[in-house]
Amino acid sequence: MIGVRVRLTFPDELVREPIIARLVKEFDVVPNIRRADVGEHGGWIICELDGESGTVDRSVEWLRDAGVQVHLLGDVVES
């Protein structure tokens, strides 16, 4: 299991979409939201994504493909 801290930036068209819920359902990762600012016209979330190494990598790619900007904040913790 690994955990990675990311900043997710959502454009206007994705703010109302259940992106985090889909992420959990599709990839079996556990997001721990540490800080967020989400409004009608965009927003961001800083969270930790915990799961199997390959699964976390695939979930990050899926987020990017969906249109979410993903910034890796450099904190990777293996357990």
Protein backbone atom coordinates (compact mmCIF):
# COMPACT_ATOMS: atom_id res chain seq x y z
CA MET A 1 0.00 0.00 0.00
CA ILE A 2 1.14 3.54 -0.74
CA GLY A 3 -0.22 6.99 -0.09
CA VAL A 4 0.43 10.01 -2.26
CA ARG A 5 -0.51 13.62 -1.61
CA VAL A 6 -1.99 15.46 -4.59
CA ARG A 7 -3.61 18.75 -5.44
CA LEU A 8 -6.59 18.25 -7.74
CA THR A 9 -7.79 21.30 -9.67
CA PHE A 10 -11.25 21.07 -11.20
CA PRO A 11 -12.38 23.20 -14.17
CA ASP A 12 -15.89 24.70 -14.31
CA GLU A 13 -17.42 21.80 -16.21
CA LEU A 14 -16.31 19.19 -13.66
CA VAL A 15 -17.24 20.92 -10.39
CA ARG A 16 -20.69 19.31 -10.25
CA GLU A 17 -19.46 15.86 -11.35
CA PRO A 18 -18.96 13.14 -8.69
CA ILE A 19 -15.31 12.65 -9.63
CA ILE A 20 -14.13 11.57 -6.16
CA ALA A 21 -17.00 9.08 -5.81
CA ARG A 22 -16.14 7.58 -9.21
CA LEU A 23 -12.48 7.41 -8.24
CA VAL A 24 -13.30 5.36 -5.14
CA LYS A 25 -15.68 3.06 -7.00
CA GLU A 26 -13.47 2.50 -10.05
CA PHE A 27 -10.08 2.15 -8.41
CA ASP A 28 -10.62 1.17 -4.78
CA VAL A 29 -8.44 4.00 -3.52
CA VAL A 30 -9.13 5.85 -0.29
CA PRO A 31 -9.01 9.65 -0.56
CA ASN A 32 -8.34 11.61 2.61
CA ILE A 33 -9.30 15.23 1.89
CA ARG A 34 -7.00 17.55 3.82
CA ARG A 35 -8.03 20.92 2.41
CA ALA A 36 -10.40 22.15 -0.28
CA ASP A 37 -11.92 25.22 -1.89
CA VAL A 38 -14.70 24.41 -4.33
CA GLY A 39 -17.10 26.94 -5.81
CA GLU A 40 -19.48 27.17 -8.75
CA HIS A 41 -16.75 27.98 -11.25
CA GLY A 42 -13.94 25.63 -10.33
CA GLY A 43 -12.06 24.49 -7.31
CA TRP A 44 -9.23 22.51 -5.83
CA ILE A 45 -8.74 19.72 -3.33
CA ILE A 46 -5.58 18.64 -1.56
CA CYS A 47 -5.89 15.01 -0.60
CA GLU A 48 -3.99 11.86 0.09
CA LEU A 49 -4.76 8.88 -2.14
CA ASP A 50 -4.11 5.54 -0.44
CA GLY A 51 -4.15 2.17 -2.20
CA GLU A 52 -2.06 -0.37 -4.04
CA SER A 53 0.84 1.22 -5.94
CA GLY A 54 -0.38 0.38 -9.46
CA THR A 55 -3.94 1.29 -8.56
CA VAL A 56 -2.96 4.74 -7.30
CA ASP A 57 -0.95 5.34 -10.49
CA ARG A 58 -3.91 4.32 -12.68
CA SER A 59 -6.29 6.49 -10.65
CA VAL A 60 -4.05 9.55 -11.16
CA GLU A 61 -3.97 8.92 -14.92
CA TRP A 62 -7.76 8.50 -14.95
CA LEU A 63 -8.17 11.85 -13.17
CA ARG A 64 -5.95 13.54 -15.76
CA ASP A 65 -7.85 11.90 -18.63
CA ALA A 66 -11.12 13.14 -17.09
CA GLY A 67 -9.83 16.75 -17.24
CA VAL A 68 -8.69 17.22 -13.66
CA GLN A 69 -5.30 18.85 -13.23
CA VAL A 70 -3.23 16.65 -10.92
CA HIS A 71 -0.19 18.06 -9.15
CA LEU A 72 1.85 15.52 -7.19
CA LEU A 73 2.98 17.18 -3.98
CA GLY A 74 5.85 14.79 -3.43
CA ASP A 75 4.66 12.98 -0.33
CA VAL A 76 4.66 9.24 -1.02
CA VAL A 77 4.32 6.95 1.96
CA GLU A 78 4.63 3.18 1.67
CA SER A 79 3.09 0.94 4.29
